[in-house]
Amino acid sequence: MSIRPEGRRWTAAMLMLAGIGLSTLAGCSREDARPAPAAAPARDPMHVKAEDELLKRLQVAPALRVEIQEYIRVAGSVQVDEDRVARIGSSVTGRITDAPGTLGLDVRAGQMLATLDSAELAAAQRNFLKAGLDLELVQRAVERARLLVNADVIGSAELQRRENEQFSAEAELRTTRGNLLLLGMSGQAIERLENTRAISPVISIASKLSGTVIERRVTIGQVVQPADQLFTIADLSQVWVVSEVPEEQAFGVRVGDPVEVSIPALRDRRLDGKVTFVGNTVNPETRTITVRTVLPNADRSIKPAMLASMAIREPVRRALALPAAAVVREGNRDHVFVQAKAGVFHLRPVTLGPESNNGLRPVLGGLSEGEPVVVDGAFHLNNERNRQ
């Protein structure tokens, strides 16, 4: 059978395509057989290599033990000295008739703050005068009974009965006198009542100490009870600064430790004092311990309720420490750059204490004495590490 020319051309084309396909497959097989290039080793993100220009900006020094004095810094407030405060009320029920003790007034001990009219006081005075009259009558009866006993008119039993009545009357007089003292009358006022027998329902409310009226809760015409607090008097020549120290920091605070107090309202005026009180219990809600210092306040510039901060200085001690400039915050932790070899540094996590008074931070863990550390320029080195 003869093949036409068109058929011969189609057959040749198919054979050529088949040859190309086989050569392509063969080439792919040879390429697949070649070994894959080796993967580059993973770079440690905590390592950084510093170039010469950056090295000039770095200062490396060994970690050493030095003398440090740490601060415990806490917020606080100014309070009145509770040992120099008097909270004054009325000792009897009555109505206020005058109240010259105004807020902010400087008063002396014994100075009148208010007066009141009391029916209860008038009744107590009447009982006192009646007890005095009853005693006089009984005393006369005892004197007559003694005369009659001497005259053999009455027996000794009658005299003893009247003497017992005298003892009871004397006890009653002492009781009524004590009631007047409890109601606020002075010994002189009672003596005057006894001599004049003039009942007066008016009584004064006086200051118990010299100081300043810092609180007043009374108005003219107000009816007051013995349980009511009417005035608060405070001697402001000395005040307290009180802070709540977290329990994990308070373990190192002792009475007598030096304290530096800063008061923002007084343009950050700084005052020196000493710890005068450390609480013996922990507040279960805030987990803090109360710490207090006392400040002189002769010019009255420090006002109760002012905000303040306390820096409690702990005793000087030797410890491994680094300057604050060496510390890098990374991942909410403190780190430092330790020199691994010339020009190469490793960022290492460390545990540090709070900054001391000379700008040093004690090393609590993660670093050994003598290791070379970047003490200046750590910020720039960390930027280079992040760039790399």
Foldseek 3Di string as FASTA:
>chain_A
DDDDPVVVVVVVVVVVVVVVVVVVVVVVVVVVPDDDDDDDDDDDLQKFFFDPVLVVQFDKDFFAKDKFKAWQKFKWFWAFDPVFKDFFDFLAWFFWAFAPQDAFDWDAAFAFGTKTFHPVLLVLLVQLLVLVVQLVVLVVVLVVVVVCVVVVNDDVVVSVVSVVSNVVSVVSNVVSVVVNVSRPDDPVRSVVCNVPVDGGRMDTTGHRHTAGWNDADDDGGDTDHNVDGGTMGGHLQKIKIKGWGAPVPCVQADFFFKKWKFFVVVVRDIDIWTWHDWAPDADPVVNTIMIMTMDGQNVVPRDGGGMMMMIGIGDIDIARKAAPQQWDQDPNFTWGWFDPDVRMTGTWTFDWADAGPVRIIGTPDGDDGGTMTGRGSRVVSVVSSVVD
